Protein backbone atom coordinates (compact mmCIF):
# COMPACT_ATOMS: atom_id res chain seq x y z
CA MET A 1 86.62 62.09 71.87
CA LYS A 2 88.25 61.81 75.62
CA ASP A 3 90.26 64.52 76.98
CA ARG A 4 93.33 62.62 76.55
CA ILE A 5 94.82 60.74 73.32
CA GLY A 6 98.39 59.58 73.37
CA TYR A 7 100.96 59.35 70.72
CA TYR A 8 104.20 57.10 71.09
CA CYS A 9 106.89 58.07 68.77
CA TRP A 10 110.52 57.48 68.24
CA ALA A 11 112.82 60.12 66.79
CA GLY A 12 116.36 61.75 66.33
CA PRO A 13 119.49 60.69 65.81
CA ASP A 14 119.49 57.80 68.18
CA THR A 15 116.66 56.42 66.79
CA ILE A 16 118.05 56.07 63.70
CA LYS A 17 121.46 54.46 65.44
CA MET A 18 119.43 52.00 67.45
CA THR A 19 116.98 50.75 64.43
CA LYS A 20 120.65 49.49 63.07
CA LEU A 21 121.40 48.07 65.75
CA LYS A 22 118.26 46.31 66.55
CA PHE A 23 118.26 44.98 62.92
CA PHE A 24 120.24 43.93 59.78
CA ASN A 25 120.94 46.64 57.43
CA PRO A 26 117.76 48.09 57.38
CA GLY A 27 116.16 50.88 55.41
CA ILE A 28 115.28 54.09 57.18
CA ASP A 29 113.23 57.22 55.77
CA GLU A 30 115.66 59.16 58.18
CA GLN A 31 113.83 62.24 56.57
CA SER A 32 110.42 61.01 58.92
CA LEU A 33 112.55 60.67 62.10
CA MET A 34 113.97 63.64 62.12
CA SER A 35 111.32 65.53 61.58
CA SER A 36 108.32 63.81 63.93
CA TYR A 37 109.09 66.53 67.05
CA ASP A 38 109.00 69.66 64.34
CA LEU A 39 106.38 72.26 64.73
CA GLU A 40 104.49 71.65 61.62
CA TYR A 41 104.04 67.75 62.55
CA LEU A 42 102.79 68.30 65.99
CA MET A 43 100.01 70.55 65.05
CA THR A 44 98.61 68.47 62.34
CA LEU A 45 98.63 65.74 65.14
CA LYS A 46 97.01 68.12 67.19
CA GLU A 47 94.61 68.84 64.40
CA LYS A 48 94.09 65.23 63.35
CA PHE A 49 94.19 62.92 66.13
CA GLY A 50 93.77 65.66 68.80
CA ILE A 51 96.99 64.51 70.49
CA THR A 52 97.18 65.91 74.99
CA ASP A 53 100.44 64.20 75.33
CA PHE A 54 103.22 62.42 73.72
CA TRP A 55 106.35 60.10 74.75
CA ALA A 56 109.11 61.26 72.72
CA THR A 57 113.21 59.79 73.10
CA TYR A 58 115.34 61.12 75.09
CA SER A 59 117.59 58.14 76.05
CA TRP A 60 117.59 54.87 74.12
CA GLY A 61 120.65 52.96 76.77
CA PHE A 62 123.59 53.97 74.72
CA SER A 63 126.19 55.50 76.93
CA GLU A 64 125.78 59.19 78.04
CA GLU A 65 128.76 60.50 76.14
CA SER A 66 126.87 58.68 72.77
CA GLU A 67 123.44 59.94 73.58
CA LYS A 68 124.43 63.83 73.82
CA GLU A 69 123.20 64.41 69.97
CA GLN A 70 119.96 63.12 71.17
CA TYR A 71 119.61 65.01 74.14
CA GLU A 72 120.37 68.13 72.41
CA PHE A 73 118.03 67.00 69.47
CA LEU A 74 114.83 66.80 71.41
CA LEU A 75 115.58 69.75 74.18
CA SER A 76 116.00 71.95 70.90
CA LYS A 77 112.45 70.49 70.27
CA LEU A 78 110.73 71.46 73.39
CA LYS A 79 109.19 74.73 72.24
CA ASN A 80 107.38 73.02 69.63
CA PHE A 81 105.80 70.89 72.28
CA LYS A 82 104.72 73.89 74.23
CA LYS A 83 103.47 76.01 71.19
CA ALA A 84 101.69 72.85 69.96
CA GLY A 85 99.62 72.62 73.80
CA ILE A 86 101.21 68.83 74.18
CA LYS A 87 101.99 67.33 77.04
CA ILE A 88 105.73 65.77 76.38
CA HIS A 89 106.93 62.55 78.46
CA ALA A 90 110.74 61.99 78.04
CA TYR A 91 111.30 58.23 77.23
CA VAL A 92 114.39 56.71 79.15
CA GLN A 93 115.39 53.23 78.31
CA GLY A 94 114.92 50.88 81.57
CA THR A 95 117.02 47.54 82.49
CA ASN A 96 118.63 47.22 79.20
CA VAL A 97 121.64 48.83 78.15
CA VAL A 98 123.51 48.54 74.40
CA THR A 99 126.59 46.38 75.87
CA ALA A 100 129.10 47.71 73.38
CA ASP A 101 128.99 50.99 75.34
CA PHE A 102 128.94 48.94 78.66
CA LYS A 103 131.65 46.56 78.73
CA ASP A 104 133.73 47.19 81.75
CA LYS A 105 130.32 47.16 83.82
CA ASP A 106 129.80 44.30 85.89
CA TRP A 107 125.68 45.10 85.68
CA PHE A 108 124.04 42.67 83.59
CA CYS A 109 121.82 39.81 84.77
CA LYS A 110 122.47 36.10 84.66
CA ASP A 111 120.75 32.94 84.25
CA GLU A 112 120.69 29.86 86.32
CA TYR A 113 124.32 28.87 84.41
CA GLY A 114 125.54 32.54 84.90
CA ARG A 115 125.04 33.15 81.56
CA ASP A 116 124.18 36.91 80.38
CA ILE A 117 120.81 37.62 79.50
CA THR A 118 120.16 39.02 75.65
CA TYR A 119 117.26 42.01 75.57
CA TYR A 120 117.76 42.21 71.82
CA ARG A 121 120.56 42.22 69.68
CA GLY A 122 123.24 44.58 70.65
CA ARG A 123 121.25 44.83 74.39
CA LYS A 124 121.64 43.11 77.44
CA VAL A 125 119.41 43.17 80.81
CA VAL A 126 120.93 45.03 83.40
CA CYS A 127 119.63 44.38 87.17
CA VAL A 128 117.51 46.08 89.41
CA ASN A 129 119.29 44.87 92.27
CA ASN A 130 122.93 46.04 91.09
CA PRO A 131 124.12 48.83 92.84
CA GLY A 132 126.27 50.81 89.96
CA PHE A 133 123.75 50.09 87.68
CA VAL A 134 120.74 51.41 89.98
CA ASN A 135 123.04 54.84 90.64
CA PHE A 136 123.35 54.98 86.78
CA ILE A 137 119.85 54.99 86.26
CA LEU A 138 118.82 57.33 89.28
CA THR A 139 121.57 59.94 88.24
CA LYS A 140 120.71 60.35 84.82
CA ILE A 141 116.90 61.11 85.96
CA GLU A 142 118.16 63.98 88.15
CA SER A 143 120.11 65.11 85.44
CA MET A 144 117.22 65.70 83.56
CA HIS A 145 115.63 67.69 86.61
CA GLY A 146 115.13 71.16 85.82
CA LEU A 147 114.44 70.36 82.15
CA LYS A 148 111.01 71.75 80.42
CA PHE A 149 109.84 67.69 80.48
CA ASP A 150 105.78 67.60 81.62
CA GLY A 151 106.98 63.46 82.52
CA ILE A 152 109.33 61.23 82.31
CA PHE A 153 108.54 57.58 81.36
CA VAL A 154 110.86 54.27 82.21
CA ASP A 155 110.43 51.76 79.68
CA ASN A 156 111.12 47.87 79.39
CA ILE A 157 111.41 47.33 83.23
CA GLN A 158 111.83 43.55 83.88
CA MET A 159 113.99 41.28 86.54
CA GLY A 160 116.62 39.12 84.43
CA GLN A 161 115.20 36.51 82.25
CA ILE A 162 111.37 36.65 81.22
CA PRO A 163 110.49 33.30 81.44
CA ILE A 164 107.76 30.69 79.21
CA PRO A 165 104.51 29.77 80.75
CA ASP A 166 103.87 26.46 81.22
CA PHE A 167 100.67 25.45 79.39
CA ASP A 168 100.21 22.31 81.47
CA GLY A 169 98.72 24.41 84.03
CA LYS A 170 101.51 24.36 86.59
CA GLY A 171 102.87 27.85 85.95
CA ILE A 172 106.59 28.37 84.89
CA PHE A 173 109.00 25.97 83.88
CA THR A 174 112.22 27.83 82.45
CA PHE A 175 113.92 30.17 84.93
CA ALA A 176 112.86 33.37 85.58
CA GLY A 177 114.82 36.38 86.83
CA CYS A 178 118.04 36.92 87.88
CA LYS A 179 120.71 34.69 89.64
CA CYS A 180 123.87 37.53 89.61
CA LYS A 181 125.81 37.84 93.04
CA TYR A 182 123.69 40.56 94.13
CA CYS A 183 120.29 38.95 93.84
CA ASP A 184 121.32 35.67 95.01
CA LYS A 185 123.37 37.45 97.95
CA LYS A 186 120.00 39.53 98.71
CA TYR A 187 118.08 36.31 98.71
CA PHE A 188 120.18 34.29 100.85
CA ASN A 189 120.40 37.03 103.62
CA LEU A 190 116.15 36.88 103.10
CA TYR A 191 115.97 32.76 103.24
CA GLN A 192 119.46 31.66 104.05
CA LYS A 193 119.01 29.95 100.53
CA HIS A 194 120.29 30.26 96.90
CA ILE A 195 118.02 31.13 94.15
CA PRO A 196 116.83 28.54 92.57
CA ARG A 197 117.46 26.39 89.24
CA LYS A 198 114.19 25.43 88.92
CA MET A 199 111.07 27.48 89.48
CA GLN A 200 108.34 24.74 90.37
CA GLY A 201 106.68 24.06 93.87
CA VAL A 202 107.48 26.18 97.43
CA ASN A 203 110.95 27.49 96.03
CA GLY A 204 109.72 28.62 93.09
CA VAL A 205 106.67 30.87 94.64
CA ARG A 206 109.05 32.47 97.39
CA TYR A 207 111.41 32.99 94.51
CA PHE A 208 108.48 35.14 92.59
CA ASN A 209 107.31 37.41 95.60
CA PHE A 210 111.02 37.92 95.95
CA ARG A 211 111.22 38.72 92.31
CA VAL A 212 108.49 41.20 92.38
CA ASN A 213 109.30 42.66 95.79
CA CYS A 214 113.04 43.56 94.02
CA THR A 215 111.30 44.83 91.14
CA SER A 216 108.54 47.27 93.04
CA GLU A 217 111.61 48.60 95.35
CA PHE A 218 113.68 49.37 92.27
CA ILE A 219 110.41 51.21 90.53
CA GLU A 220 109.61 53.05 93.94
CA LYS A 221 113.63 54.51 93.83
CA LEU A 222 112.94 55.51 90.36
CA SER A 223 109.38 56.97 90.98
CA SER A 224 111.04 59.38 93.97
CA ALA A 225 113.65 60.64 91.45
CA VAL A 226 111.23 61.10 88.81
CA HIS A 227 108.34 63.19 91.43
CA ARG A 228 111.57 65.16 92.93
CA GLY A 229 111.85 66.65 89.78
CA GLY A 230 108.65 67.59 89.28
CA PHE A 231 107.41 65.36 86.42
CA GLU A 232 104.65 63.12 85.65
CA PHE A 233 106.07 59.40 86.13
CA GLY A 234 105.04 56.30 84.32
CA THR A 235 106.83 53.24 83.02
CA ASN A 236 105.38 50.23 80.26
CA SER A 237 103.57 47.48 81.31
CA PHE A 238 103.63 45.19 78.49
CA ASP A 239 100.99 43.25 77.78
CA PRO A 240 98.51 41.95 80.89
CA LYS A 241 97.32 39.49 78.91
CA PHE A 242 100.07 37.69 80.19
CA ASP A 243 100.61 37.37 84.22
CA THR A 244 103.41 40.45 84.63
CA LYS A 245 104.44 39.47 88.23
CA ALA A 246 105.83 36.05 86.59
CA LEU A 247 107.34 37.38 82.96
CA PHE A 248 108.44 40.62 84.18
CA GLY A 249 108.18 40.83 88.15
CA THR A 250 106.15 43.71 88.12
CA ASP A 251 102.95 44.13 90.05
CA ILE A 252 100.12 46.15 88.53
CA LYS A 253 98.52 47.20 91.99
CA ARG A 254 102.06 48.64 92.94
CA LEU A 255 102.55 50.23 89.83
CA GLU A 256 99.26 52.41 90.08
CA LYS A 257 100.40 53.26 93.77
CA LEU A 258 103.73 54.51 92.70
CA GLN A 259 103.24 56.04 89.06
CA ASP A 260 100.97 59.28 88.01
CA TYR A 261 99.32 57.01 85.13
CA LEU A 262 99.70 53.68 83.33
CA LEU A 263 100.82 52.61 79.70
CA PHE A 264 99.92 48.98 78.32
CA GLU A 265 101.82 47.86 75.25
CA ASN A 266 100.21 44.85 73.34
CA HIS A 267 99.38 43.31 70.07
CA SER A 268 95.66 43.83 70.29
CA LEU A 269 94.73 46.61 67.72
CA PRO A 270 91.20 46.29 67.50
CA GLY A 271 89.56 44.77 64.36
CA LYS A 272 87.87 41.53 63.50
CA LYS A 273 89.62 39.16 65.46
CA THR A 274 91.36 41.15 68.43
CA ASN A 275 90.50 44.42 70.97
CA ASN A 276 91.38 45.79 74.30
CA GLU A 277 88.30 44.44 76.34
CA TYR A 278 90.17 43.02 78.52
CA ILE A 279 92.42 46.20 79.62
CA HIS A 280 88.68 47.51 80.55
CA GLU A 281 87.85 44.39 82.39
CA LEU A 282 91.59 45.03 84.68
CA ILE A 283 90.78 48.52 84.82
CA LYS A 284 86.96 47.01 86.48
CA LYS A 285 88.61 44.36 88.75
CA ASN A 286 91.44 46.11 90.33
CA ASN A 287 89.93 49.12 90.82
CA ILE A 288 92.58 51.30 89.32
CA THR A 289 91.75 55.23 89.25
CA LYS A 290 94.62 56.30 87.82
CA PRO A 291 94.54 57.47 83.99
CA VAL A 292 95.62 54.27 81.32
CA PHE A 293 96.86 54.19 78.14
CA VAL A 294 96.56 51.50 75.79
CA VAL A 295 98.96 51.47 72.84
CA SER A 296 98.36 48.39 70.02
CA TYR A 297 100.74 46.88 67.56
CA LYS A 298 99.43 44.35 64.85
CA LYS A 299 102.14 42.27 64.87
CA GLY A 300 104.83 44.07 66.79
CA ILE A 301 107.82 46.13 66.25
CA GLY A 302 109.72 45.26 62.62
CA TYR A 303 106.44 43.12 61.59
CA ASP A 304 103.97 46.45 61.19
CA SER A 305 103.50 48.35 57.53
CA GLU A 306 101.81 51.68 58.24
CA PHE A 307 98.45 51.32 59.83
CA THR A 308 95.38 52.09 57.64
CA GLN A 309 92.55 54.49 58.26
CA SER A 310 90.56 52.29 59.19
CA ASP A 311 93.08 50.93 61.95
CA PHE A 312 92.41 54.40 63.46
CA ASN A 313 88.98 54.72 63.26
CA ASN A 314 89.10 51.60 65.16
CA ILE A 315 91.56 52.87 67.67
CA TYR A 316 89.12 55.81 68.24
CA SER A 317 85.82 54.25 67.91
CA GLU A 318 87.10 51.26 70.85
CA ASP A 319 88.35 54.58 72.86
CA LYS A 320 85.08 56.22 73.02
CA GLN A 321 83.40 52.98 74.13
CA LEU A 322 86.36 51.74 76.73
CA ASP A 323 87.48 52.76 80.43
CA PHE A 324 91.40 53.97 79.13
CA PHE A 325 92.70 56.52 76.69
CA ALA A 326 94.05 55.49 73.59
CA ALA A 327 97.81 55.96 72.74
CA ILE A 328 98.56 55.87 68.77
CA LYS A 329 101.89 54.28 67.71
CA GLY A 330 103.63 57.06 65.74
CA SER A 331 106.73 55.06 65.26
CA GLU A 332 108.38 52.06 63.94
CA TYR A 333 106.38 51.02 61.00
CA PHE A 334 107.85 48.68 58.44
CA THR A 335 106.48 49.52 54.65
CA ASN A 336 108.14 49.10 51.72
CA GLY A 337 110.97 47.84 52.90
CA LYS A 338 111.80 51.48 54.83
CA TRP A 339 111.42 52.04 58.40
CA HIS A 340 109.82 54.94 58.88
CA ASN A 341 107.37 57.30 61.40
CA LEU A 342 103.57 57.76 60.81
CA ARG A 343 103.26 59.62 57.36
CA LEU A 344 100.32 61.83 58.98
CA ASN A 345 99.13 63.87 55.56
CA GLU A 346 97.89 60.22 54.00
CA PHE A 347 95.47 60.09 56.93
CA ASN A 348 92.07 62.27 57.86
CA LYS A 349 90.25 62.23 61.07
CA PRO A 350 89.59 59.49 62.66
CA GLN A 351 85.81 58.85 61.97
CA ILE A 352 84.17 57.10 65.62
CA ASP A 353 81.52 54.70 64.98
CA GLU A 354 79.75 53.82 68.34
CA SER A 355 77.82 50.70 67.06
CA GLU A 356 80.97 49.12 66.03
CA GLN A 357 81.56 45.90 67.93
CA PHE A 358 84.98 44.27 68.33
CA ARG A 359 85.18 40.73 69.49
CA VAL A 360 87.78 38.30 70.25
CA SER A 361 88.76 35.60 68.25
CA ASP A 362 88.15 32.01 70.01
CA VAL A 363 91.64 30.99 71.66
CA HIS A 364 92.74 27.23 69.64
CA ASN A 365 95.17 24.68 70.70
CA TYR A 366 97.77 26.08 69.41
CA PRO A 367 101.17 24.04 68.27
CA GLU A 368 103.56 25.37 70.81
CA MET A 369 101.45 23.80 73.63
CA LEU A 370 101.47 20.55 72.22
CA ILE A 371 105.39 21.06 71.90
CA LEU A 372 105.56 21.83 75.55
CA ARG A 373 103.82 18.96 76.95
CA VAL A 374 106.92 16.84 75.04
CA PRO A 375 109.01 15.89 78.23
CA PHE A 376 112.38 15.75 75.66
CA LEU A 377 111.44 18.91 73.98
CA LYS A 378 110.30 20.95 77.23
CA ASN A 379 113.88 19.94 79.04
CA LEU A 380 115.75 20.88 76.34
CA LEU A 381 113.95 24.04 76.02
CA ARG A 382 114.68 24.40 80.10
CA LYS A 383 118.64 24.29 79.70
CA TYR A 384 119.15 26.04 76.72
CA TYR A 385 116.30 28.58 76.73
CA ASN A 386 118.73 31.52 77.02
CA PRO A 387 121.07 30.67 74.19
CA ILE A 388 118.23 29.85 71.80
CA TYR A 389 116.74 33.27 72.55
CA ARG A 390 120.07 35.10 72.26
CA LEU A 391 120.62 33.33 69.25
CA ARG A 392 116.70 33.97 67.89
CA MET A 393 117.98 38.12 68.74
CA GLU A 394 121.48 37.89 66.96
CA SER A 395 121.19 35.56 64.01
CA ARG A 396 118.84 37.17 61.20
CA LEU A 397 117.88 33.58 60.01
CA PHE A 398 116.75 32.53 62.79
CA ARG A 399 114.97 35.67 64.18
CA LYS A 400 112.86 34.52 60.82
CA VAL A 401 112.41 31.22 61.48
CA MET A 402 111.25 31.90 65.34
CA TYR A 403 108.60 34.71 64.15
CA ILE A 404 106.19 32.44 63.72
CA PHE A 405 106.54 30.54 67.17
CA THR A 406 106.81 34.44 68.74
CA GLN A 407 103.02 35.04 67.27
CA MET A 408 101.62 32.39 68.41
CA ALA A 409 102.84 32.75 71.90
CA LEU A 410 101.56 36.38 71.98
CA ARG A 411 97.97 35.22 71.01
């Protein structure tokens, strides 16, 4: 096995709170979520999976007052990680917060019509150009200086609204990013123009470059704050099979310069139809020399039942062949109506098969590609994308209906 293997595992009281916030009356194995940082669990992880690096929950984006119990919970477990000889990376939520805890703030991103942008049920996206929010998260990181973590990991960094790519090859057709007063003023000072509503053409190119620069500036501030505390720094780069500059406003080459490692979360669990060879190719193409971790799901949060022994065998077999470090999904499993973390007693040590070959299935002309070629539907989606997305997160029925389209898009 390689010299580093990650474990991506959310636990503790706030993980229970967040699961209840994100989903609708969820059944939760609370004992599972409260015991994943215990010494016995960590030692079993070390023995069976060879884990060297562990991403553990510190902050989910609740207010600091609400999060005190979670802080104390994780700090009380630090000695267990030290005894097990596992590096601990403290998880901090990035550019979204629990809306109810910050009702009096003006931190929230705006779309082209001035509407707030939903991140998930009960959470909204906050702006990387908003001085109040930037000060808030930097202060949180500085308050962690002196704590016995090995690293700080900031999740879900995006600038504003994630757009929909245009399947006719013309780029992006919905609004991207943020048009709050802070973004618009910054953009106007640079170009003597307001942020455009439409993302096509020269105006769109100019805006996308602006957006990437803003996100990079924000991550540079995070990096400086984390490194001043003597920690390793990393962020989550969700799936680079898509153009991360267009979708999230993040530039992988800039990230490598600012971070001590890259971490890619995706839906490419190695098997008969999917694999992570494209990450291997991305590393070579971009001459990435920093460590790269890859944590893969099957269908995504809320849709993956517990992985099988065969799944773990595949993860370790792929890890042996390709130029990155595997990171195991240790939490957010939904099996037989219950949310739970990985039940280690159900698994043996992964078996590596170096002869195993993973092949990606052919790309098909999926139905959503046809939908986005119908002018009326395209214009409708362009105008109402934000409220449709919000409804998808806030309505249980609509979330189920939209699941099929989400899965098609992720392919």
